[in-house]
Amino acid sequence: MALADGRVEVVRLSDEPLEMPRIAYDRHNGSAYRYVYSVGARDRRGDDFVTRLVRLDVVTGTTRIWSEPGRYPGEPVCVPLPDRARNEGSESNEDAGVVLSLGLDSTNQSSFLLVLDAATFGELARAEVPHPVPFDFHGLFLRDA
């Protein structure tokens, strides 16, 4: 947070280790936001690979986690509901949509696209791929115009 005198205040938002954080950029880029979606690791020292997806509420500090043994998720991407549907979503509508993540299933040596509800972080769908898809550090979603 930038203060009037030019100083910066650092505030720890969570004890959960987070990497590649994403927000609902379409409505909150450059403005206040409440939710951050990120990859994280079980080992808080950082000695293991990303093993989970994390939803952080920066106001309350609470987290919701998706994790499965032998599954390694990639960077989450927020996909908002279309404008017409947002008005009926959650109270803030910031988390009205889904979170997508391309993951690796190490047990079956395959990949999957995971679809989580952005508000509850519950799994809505999964599309299995019969082979591994190489990891990429950044995800992207383009809405069909």
N, C-alpha and C. Protein backbone atom coordinates (compact mmCIF):
# COMPACT_ATOMS: atom_id res chain seq x y z
N MET A 1 0.85 -1.16 0.00
CA MET A 1 0.00 0.00 0.00
C MET A 1 0.90 1.23 0.00
N ALA A 2 0.71 2.11 -0.94
CA ALA A 2 1.49 3.34 -1.00
C ALA A 2 0.87 4.37 -0.07
N LEU A 3 1.70 4.96 0.76
CA LEU A 3 1.23 5.96 1.70
C LEU A 3 1.47 7.35 1.12
N ALA A 4 0.80 8.35 1.66
CA ALA A 4 0.87 9.71 1.14
C ALA A 4 2.30 10.25 1.11
N ASP A 5 3.14 9.82 2.04
CA ASP A 5 4.51 10.34 2.07
C ASP A 5 5.46 9.53 1.19
N GLY A 6 4.93 8.58 0.39
CA GLY A 6 5.76 7.81 -0.53
C GLY A 6 6.32 6.53 0.05
N ARG A 7 6.08 6.28 1.34
CA ARG A 7 6.55 5.03 1.92
C ARG A 7 5.62 3.90 1.51
N VAL A 8 6.12 2.68 1.62
CA VAL A 8 5.33 1.49 1.29
C VAL A 8 5.22 0.62 2.53
N GLU A 9 4.04 0.13 2.79
CA GLU A 9 3.79 -0.75 3.92
C GLU A 9 3.63 -2.18 3.40
N VAL A 10 4.32 -3.12 4.01
CA VAL A 10 4.23 -4.52 3.62
C VAL A 10 3.35 -5.24 4.63
N VAL A 11 2.36 -5.97 4.13
CA VAL A 11 1.44 -6.70 4.98
C VAL A 11 1.42 -8.15 4.52
N ARG A 12 1.70 -9.07 5.43
CA ARG A 12 1.63 -10.50 5.10
C ARG A 12 0.16 -10.91 5.07
N LEU A 13 -0.28 -11.42 3.93
CA LEU A 13 -1.69 -11.77 3.75
C LEU A 13 -2.01 -13.20 4.12
N SER A 14 -1.02 -14.09 4.07
CA SER A 14 -1.28 -15.51 4.33
C SER A 14 0.01 -16.22 4.70
N ASP A 15 -0.13 -17.27 5.49
CA ASP A 15 1.02 -18.13 5.79
C ASP A 15 1.17 -19.21 4.72
N GLU A 16 0.20 -19.32 3.83
CA GLU A 16 0.23 -20.31 2.76
C GLU A 16 1.24 -19.88 1.69
N PRO A 17 2.18 -20.76 1.30
CA PRO A 17 3.11 -20.38 0.24
C PRO A 17 2.38 -20.31 -1.09
N LEU A 18 2.49 -19.19 -1.78
CA LEU A 18 1.78 -18.96 -3.04
C LEU A 18 2.76 -18.60 -4.16
N GLU A 19 2.48 -19.11 -5.34
CA GLU A 19 3.26 -18.77 -6.53
C GLU A 19 2.29 -18.46 -7.66
N MET A 20 2.71 -17.64 -8.58
CA MET A 20 1.94 -17.28 -9.78
C MET A 20 0.51 -16.85 -9.45
N PRO A 21 0.34 -15.86 -8.56
CA PRO A 21 -1.00 -15.44 -8.17
C PRO A 21 -1.74 -14.75 -9.32
N ARG A 22 -3.03 -14.98 -9.37
CA ARG A 22 -3.90 -14.36 -10.37
C ARG A 22 -5.11 -13.76 -9.67
N ILE A 23 -5.66 -12.70 -10.24
CA ILE A 23 -6.90 -12.11 -9.76
C ILE A 23 -7.87 -12.07 -10.94
N ALA A 24 -9.08 -11.61 -10.70
CA ALA A 24 -10.06 -11.43 -11.77
C ALA A 24 -9.69 -10.13 -12.50
N TYR A 25 -8.71 -10.23 -13.39
CA TYR A 25 -8.14 -9.05 -14.03
C TYR A 25 -9.16 -8.24 -14.84
N ASP A 26 -10.14 -8.90 -15.42
CA ASP A 26 -11.07 -8.17 -16.28
C ASP A 26 -11.79 -7.04 -15.55
N ARG A 27 -12.01 -7.19 -14.23
CA ARG A 27 -12.73 -6.17 -13.48
C ARG A 27 -11.89 -5.51 -12.39
N HIS A 28 -10.71 -6.07 -12.07
CA HIS A 28 -9.98 -5.55 -10.92
C HIS A 28 -8.52 -5.19 -11.21
N ASN A 29 -8.11 -5.23 -12.46
CA ASN A 29 -6.74 -4.86 -12.79
C ASN A 29 -6.54 -3.38 -12.48
N GLY A 30 -5.63 -3.07 -11.59
CA GLY A 30 -5.36 -1.70 -11.21
C GLY A 30 -6.29 -1.15 -10.15
N SER A 31 -7.15 -1.99 -9.59
CA SER A 31 -8.06 -1.52 -8.54
C SER A 31 -8.12 -2.56 -7.42
N ALA A 32 -8.85 -2.25 -6.39
CA ALA A 32 -8.95 -3.14 -5.23
C ALA A 32 -9.56 -4.48 -5.64
N TYR A 33 -9.10 -5.54 -5.02
CA TYR A 33 -9.63 -6.89 -5.25
C TYR A 33 -9.65 -7.62 -3.93
N ARG A 34 -10.44 -8.71 -3.89
CA ARG A 34 -10.55 -9.48 -2.65
C ARG A 34 -9.94 -10.86 -2.77
N TYR A 35 -10.00 -11.48 -3.95
CA TYR A 35 -9.60 -12.88 -4.09
C TYR A 35 -8.37 -13.03 -4.98
N VAL A 36 -7.48 -13.93 -4.54
CA VAL A 36 -6.29 -14.28 -5.29
C VAL A 36 -6.31 -15.79 -5.49
N TYR A 37 -6.02 -16.23 -6.71
CA TYR A 37 -5.96 -17.66 -7.03
C TYR A 37 -4.52 -17.97 -7.40
N SER A 38 -3.97 -19.05 -6.86
CA SER A 38 -2.55 -19.29 -6.99
C SER A 38 -2.24 -20.79 -6.91
N VAL A 39 -1.02 -21.15 -7.31
CA VAL A 39 -0.53 -22.49 -7.02
C VAL A 39 0.24 -22.42 -5.71
N GLY A 40 0.31 -23.54 -5.03
CA GLY A 40 1.03 -23.59 -3.77
C GLY A 40 1.60 -24.98 -3.55
N ALA A 41 2.24 -25.15 -2.42
CA ALA A 41 2.87 -26.43 -2.09
C ALA A 41 2.49 -26.84 -0.67
N ARG A 42 2.43 -28.16 -0.46
CA ARG A 42 2.13 -28.67 0.89
C ARG A 42 3.22 -28.27 1.87
N ASP A 43 4.45 -28.38 1.41
CA ASP A 43 5.60 -28.09 2.26
C ASP A 43 5.79 -26.58 2.31
N ARG A 44 5.54 -25.99 3.45
CA ARG A 44 5.61 -24.54 3.58
C ARG A 44 7.04 -23.99 3.50
N ARG A 45 8.04 -24.88 3.56
CA ARG A 45 9.42 -24.42 3.40
C ARG A 45 9.78 -24.27 1.94
N GLY A 46 8.95 -24.79 1.04
CA GLY A 46 9.22 -24.68 -0.38
C GLY A 46 10.08 -25.78 -0.93
N ASP A 47 10.17 -26.92 -0.22
CA ASP A 47 11.02 -28.02 -0.67
C ASP A 47 10.34 -28.98 -1.64
N ASP A 48 9.07 -28.74 -1.98
CA ASP A 48 8.43 -29.62 -2.95
C ASP A 48 7.85 -28.79 -4.09
N PHE A 49 7.38 -29.48 -5.11
CA PHE A 49 6.83 -28.84 -6.29
C PHE A 49 5.41 -28.38 -5.99
N VAL A 50 4.82 -27.58 -6.87
CA VAL A 50 3.45 -27.13 -6.66
C VAL A 50 2.50 -28.32 -6.66
N THR A 51 1.74 -28.44 -5.58
CA THR A 51 0.88 -29.61 -5.40
C THR A 51 -0.58 -29.22 -5.17
N ARG A 52 -0.88 -27.94 -5.21
CA ARG A 52 -2.24 -27.53 -4.89
C ARG A 52 -2.58 -26.20 -5.54
N LEU A 53 -3.87 -25.94 -5.61
CA LEU A 53 -4.37 -24.64 -6.00
C LEU A 53 -4.93 -23.99 -4.74
N VAL A 54 -4.73 -22.68 -4.62
CA VAL A 54 -5.13 -21.97 -3.41
C VAL A 54 -5.96 -20.75 -3.80
N ARG A 55 -7.06 -20.57 -3.08
CA ARG A 55 -7.89 -19.36 -3.21
C ARG A 55 -7.72 -18.60 -1.90
N LEU A 56 -7.18 -17.40 -1.97
CA LEU A 56 -6.93 -16.57 -0.79
C LEU A 56 -7.89 -15.39 -0.78
N ASP A 57 -8.57 -15.21 0.33
CA ASP A 57 -9.39 -14.02 0.57
C ASP A 57 -8.48 -13.02 1.27
N VAL A 58 -8.08 -11.96 0.58
CA VAL A 58 -7.11 -11.03 1.16
C VAL A 58 -7.71 -10.16 2.26
N VAL A 59 -9.04 -10.14 2.38
CA VAL A 59 -9.69 -9.38 3.45
C VAL A 59 -9.67 -10.17 4.75
N THR A 60 -10.05 -11.44 4.70
CA THR A 60 -10.13 -12.25 5.93
C THR A 60 -8.88 -13.10 6.16
N GLY A 61 -8.07 -13.32 5.12
CA GLY A 61 -6.90 -14.18 5.24
C GLY A 61 -7.21 -15.66 5.13
N THR A 62 -8.46 -16.02 4.89
CA THR A 62 -8.83 -17.43 4.79
C THR A 62 -8.46 -17.98 3.41
N THR A 63 -8.21 -19.28 3.39
CA THR A 63 -7.87 -19.94 2.12
C THR A 63 -8.79 -21.13 1.89
N ARG A 64 -8.94 -21.46 0.62
CA ARG A 64 -9.59 -22.70 0.19
C ARG A 64 -8.58 -23.38 -0.70
N ILE A 65 -8.52 -24.72 -0.60
CA ILE A 65 -7.46 -25.46 -1.30
C ILE A 65 -8.04 -26.60 -2.10
N TRP A 66 -7.52 -26.77 -3.32
CA TRP A 66 -7.79 -27.97 -4.12
C TRP A 66 -6.48 -28.73 -4.20
N SER A 67 -6.53 -30.02 -3.92
CA SER A 67 -5.33 -30.85 -3.99
C SER A 67 -5.74 -32.30 -4.13
N GLU A 68 -4.98 -33.06 -4.91
CA GLU A 68 -5.16 -34.51 -5.03
C GLU A 68 -3.78 -35.15 -5.10
N PRO A 69 -3.59 -36.29 -4.43
CA PRO A 69 -2.29 -36.97 -4.47
C PRO A 69 -1.87 -37.29 -5.91
N GLY A 70 -0.62 -37.02 -6.22
CA GLY A 70 -0.08 -37.34 -7.53
C GLY A 70 -0.49 -36.39 -8.64
N ARG A 71 -1.20 -35.30 -8.30
CA ARG A 71 -1.64 -34.32 -9.30
C ARG A 71 -0.91 -33.01 -9.06
N TYR A 72 -0.44 -32.40 -10.14
CA TYR A 72 0.33 -31.16 -10.06
C TYR A 72 -0.33 -30.10 -10.94
N PRO A 73 -1.02 -29.14 -10.35
CA PRO A 73 -1.73 -28.14 -11.14
C PRO A 73 -0.80 -27.05 -11.68
N GLY A 74 -1.23 -26.45 -12.77
CA GLY A 74 -0.52 -25.31 -13.34
C GLY A 74 -1.17 -24.02 -12.90
N GLU A 75 -0.63 -22.92 -13.38
CA GLU A 75 -1.13 -21.60 -13.00
C GLU A 75 -2.63 -21.48 -13.22
N PRO A 76 -3.37 -21.05 -12.20
CA PRO A 76 -4.81 -20.90 -12.37
C PRO A 76 -5.14 -19.66 -13.20
N VAL A 77 -6.22 -19.77 -13.95
CA VAL A 77 -6.71 -18.65 -14.76
C VAL A 77 -8.16 -18.38 -14.39
N CYS A 78 -8.47 -17.14 -14.05
CA CYS A 78 -9.84 -16.76 -13.70
C CYS A 78 -10.62 -16.46 -14.97
N VAL A 79 -11.79 -17.06 -15.07
CA VAL A 79 -12.68 -16.81 -16.20
C VAL A 79 -14.01 -16.35 -15.62
N PRO A 80 -14.33 -15.06 -15.78
CA PRO A 80 -15.56 -14.54 -15.19
C PRO A 80 -16.79 -15.00 -15.97
N LEU A 81 -17.91 -15.00 -15.27
CA LEU A 81 -19.18 -15.24 -15.95
C LEU A 81 -19.41 -14.10 -16.94
N PRO A 82 -20.17 -14.34 -17.98
CA PRO A 82 -20.51 -13.23 -18.88
C PRO A 82 -21.21 -12.12 -18.10
N ASP A 83 -21.11 -10.90 -18.56
CA ASP A 83 -21.67 -9.74 -17.85
C ASP A 83 -23.11 -9.94 -17.43
N ARG A 84 -23.93 -10.51 -18.28
CA ARG A 84 -25.36 -10.66 -17.97
C ARG A 84 -25.59 -11.61 -16.81
N ALA A 85 -24.70 -12.57 -16.61
CA ALA A 85 -24.87 -13.55 -15.54
C ALA A 85 -24.25 -13.09 -14.22
N ARG A 86 -23.34 -12.13 -14.27
CA ARG A 86 -22.64 -11.67 -13.07
C ARG A 86 -23.57 -11.03 -12.05
N ASN A 87 -24.60 -10.40 -12.50
CA ASN A 87 -25.51 -9.71 -11.59
C ASN A 87 -26.21 -10.65 -10.62
N GLU A 88 -26.25 -11.95 -10.94
CA GLU A 88 -26.92 -12.91 -10.09
C GLU A 88 -25.94 -13.75 -9.27
N GLY A 89 -24.65 -13.49 -9.40
CA GLY A 89 -23.62 -14.31 -8.76
C GLY A 89 -23.47 -14.03 -7.28
N SER A 90 -22.25 -14.13 -6.80
CA SER A 90 -21.96 -13.92 -5.39
C SER A 90 -22.18 -12.46 -5.02
N GLU A 91 -22.11 -12.18 -3.74
CA GLU A 91 -22.39 -10.83 -3.25
C GLU A 91 -21.50 -9.79 -3.93
N SER A 92 -20.22 -10.05 -4.06
CA SER A 92 -19.32 -9.07 -4.67
C SER A 92 -19.22 -9.25 -6.17
N ASN A 93 -19.62 -10.39 -6.67
CA ASN A 93 -19.50 -10.74 -8.08
C ASN A 93 -18.05 -10.88 -8.55
N GLU A 94 -17.09 -10.53 -7.71
CA GLU A 94 -15.70 -10.69 -8.10
C GLU A 94 -15.36 -12.16 -8.33
N ASP A 95 -15.96 -13.04 -7.55
CA ASP A 95 -15.67 -14.46 -7.67
C ASP A 95 -16.76 -15.21 -8.43
N ALA A 96 -17.54 -14.50 -9.23
CA ALA A 96 -18.57 -15.14 -10.05
C ALA A 96 -17.92 -15.62 -11.35
N GLY A 97 -17.62 -16.91 -11.40
CA GLY A 97 -16.97 -17.47 -12.57
C GLY A 97 -16.29 -18.77 -12.23
N VAL A 98 -15.30 -19.12 -13.02
CA VAL A 98 -14.57 -20.36 -12.80
C VAL A 98 -13.07 -20.09 -12.80
N VAL A 99 -12.34 -21.06 -12.26
CA VAL A 99 -10.88 -21.04 -12.29
C VAL A 99 -10.45 -22.28 -13.09
N LEU A 100 -9.61 -22.07 -14.09
CA LEU A 100 -9.11 -23.15 -14.93
C LEU A 100 -7.65 -23.42 -14.60
N SER A 101 -7.28 -24.69 -14.63
CA SER A 101 -5.88 -25.05 -14.43
C SER A 101 -5.57 -26.32 -15.21
N LEU A 102 -4.50 -26.28 -15.97
CA LEU A 102 -4.03 -27.46 -16.68
C LEU A 102 -3.08 -28.19 -15.74
N GLY A 103 -3.37 -29.45 -15.46
CA GLY A 103 -2.59 -30.19 -14.49
C GLY A 103 -1.96 -31.45 -15.04
N LEU A 104 -1.01 -31.98 -14.30
CA LEU A 104 -0.33 -33.22 -14.64
C LEU A 104 -0.74 -34.30 -13.65
N ASP A 105 -1.15 -35.47 -14.17
CA ASP A 105 -1.47 -36.64 -13.34
C ASP A 105 -0.25 -37.55 -13.43
N SER A 106 0.57 -37.55 -12.39
CA SER A 106 1.83 -38.30 -12.43
C SER A 106 1.60 -39.81 -12.36
N THR A 107 0.49 -40.22 -11.76
CA THR A 107 0.19 -41.65 -11.64
C THR A 107 -0.11 -42.26 -13.00
N ASN A 108 -0.94 -41.57 -13.79
CA ASN A 108 -1.35 -42.09 -15.10
C ASN A 108 -0.54 -41.52 -16.26
N GLN A 109 0.44 -40.69 -15.97
CA GLN A 109 1.26 -40.05 -16.99
C GLN A 109 0.39 -39.39 -18.05
N SER A 110 -0.53 -38.56 -17.58
CA SER A 110 -1.45 -37.85 -18.47
C SER A 110 -1.70 -36.46 -17.90
N SER A 111 -2.50 -35.68 -18.61
CA SER A 111 -2.83 -34.33 -18.15
C SER A 111 -4.34 -34.17 -18.09
N PHE A 112 -4.76 -33.06 -17.50
CA PHE A 112 -6.19 -32.77 -17.38
C PHE A 112 -6.39 -31.27 -17.27
N LEU A 113 -7.56 -30.82 -17.71
CA LEU A 113 -7.98 -29.44 -17.52
C LEU A 113 -8.99 -29.46 -16.39
N LEU A 114 -8.70 -28.75 -15.34
CA LEU A 114 -9.55 -28.71 -14.16
C LEU A 114 -10.38 -27.43 -14.18
N VAL A 115 -11.66 -27.55 -13.85
CA VAL A 115 -12.56 -26.40 -13.78
C VAL A 115 -13.11 -26.33 -12.36
N LEU A 116 -12.76 -25.26 -11.64
CA LEU A 116 -13.24 -25.06 -10.27
C LEU A 116 -14.18 -23.86 -10.22
N ASP A 117 -15.18 -23.94 -9.35
CA ASP A 117 -16.03 -22.79 -9.09
C ASP A 117 -15.17 -21.76 -8.36
N ALA A 118 -15.11 -20.54 -8.86
CA ALA A 118 -14.23 -19.53 -8.28
C ALA A 118 -14.63 -19.16 -6.85
N ALA A 119 -15.91 -19.24 -6.53
CA ALA A 119 -16.37 -18.86 -5.19
C ALA A 119 -16.19 -19.97 -4.17
N THR A 120 -16.57 -21.18 -4.51
CA THR A 120 -16.51 -22.28 -3.53
C THR A 120 -15.22 -23.08 -3.64
N PHE A 121 -14.55 -23.00 -4.77
CA PHE A 121 -13.35 -23.76 -5.11
C PHE A 121 -13.64 -25.25 -5.22
N GLY A 122 -14.91 -25.58 -5.41
CA GLY A 122 -15.30 -26.96 -5.65
C GLY A 122 -15.12 -27.31 -7.12
N GLU A 123 -14.81 -28.57 -7.38
CA GLU A 123 -14.60 -29.01 -8.76
C GLU A 123 -15.94 -29.09 -9.50
N LEU A 124 -15.98 -28.45 -10.66
CA LEU A 124 -17.17 -28.47 -11.51
C LEU A 124 -17.01 -29.47 -12.66
N ALA A 125 -15.80 -29.57 -13.18
CA ALA A 125 -15.57 -30.45 -14.33
C ALA A 125 -14.08 -30.73 -14.47
N ARG A 126 -13.80 -31.78 -15.25
CA ARG A 126 -12.42 -32.14 -15.55
C ARG A 126 -12.39 -32.78 -16.94
N ALA A 127 -11.49 -32.33 -17.77
CA ALA A 127 -11.31 -32.92 -19.10
C ALA A 127 -9.97 -33.64 -19.10
N GLU A 128 -10.01 -34.95 -19.24
CA GLU A 128 -8.79 -35.77 -19.23
C GLU A 128 -8.13 -35.76 -20.61
N VAL A 129 -6.82 -35.73 -20.63
CA VAL A 129 -6.03 -35.84 -21.85
C VAL A 129 -5.23 -37.12 -21.73
N PRO A 130 -5.23 -38.00 -22.74
CA PRO A 130 -4.59 -39.31 -22.58
C PRO A 130 -3.07 -39.31 -22.59
N HIS A 131 -2.45 -38.15 -22.62
CA HIS A 131 -0.99 -38.06 -22.61
C HIS A 131 -0.59 -36.81 -21.82
N PRO A 132 0.64 -36.73 -21.39
CA PRO A 132 1.06 -35.53 -20.65
C PRO A 132 1.20 -34.33 -21.59
N VAL A 133 0.75 -33.18 -21.12
CA VAL A 133 0.94 -31.92 -21.83
C VAL A 133 2.07 -31.19 -21.12
N PRO A 134 3.09 -30.74 -21.85
CA PRO A 134 4.22 -30.07 -21.20
C PRO A 134 3.77 -28.87 -20.36
N PHE A 135 4.42 -28.68 -19.22
CA PHE A 135 4.10 -27.56 -18.36
C PHE A 135 4.45 -26.26 -19.05
N ASP A 136 3.65 -25.26 -18.79
CA ASP A 136 3.91 -23.90 -19.21
C ASP A 136 3.75 -23.06 -17.95
N PHE A 137 4.48 -22.01 -17.83
CA PHE A 137 4.41 -21.23 -16.59
C PHE A 137 3.19 -20.32 -16.51
N HIS A 138 2.60 -19.99 -17.65
CA HIS A 138 1.49 -19.05 -17.62
C HIS A 138 0.30 -19.58 -18.40
N GLY A 139 -0.88 -19.34 -17.85
CA GLY A 139 -2.11 -19.75 -18.50
C GLY A 139 -2.77 -18.55 -19.14
N LEU A 140 -3.67 -18.82 -20.07
CA LEU A 140 -4.35 -17.76 -20.80
C LEU A 140 -5.73 -18.24 -21.20
N PHE A 141 -6.72 -17.38 -21.08
CA PHE A 141 -8.07 -17.68 -21.55
C PHE A 141 -8.50 -16.54 -22.46
N LEU A 142 -8.94 -16.87 -23.66
CA LEU A 142 -9.44 -15.87 -24.59
C LEU A 142 -10.90 -16.15 -24.86
N ARG A 143 -11.75 -15.20 -24.53
CA ARG A 143 -13.18 -15.34 -24.76
C ARG A 143 -13.45 -15.16 -26.25
N ASP A 144 -14.25 -16.05 -26.81
CA ASP A 144 -14.63 -15.95 -28.22
C ASP A 144 -15.51 -14.73 -28.36
N ALA A 145 -15.09 -13.81 -29.20
CA ALA A 145 -15.85 -12.56 -29.39
C ALA A 145 -17.09 -12.88 -30.11
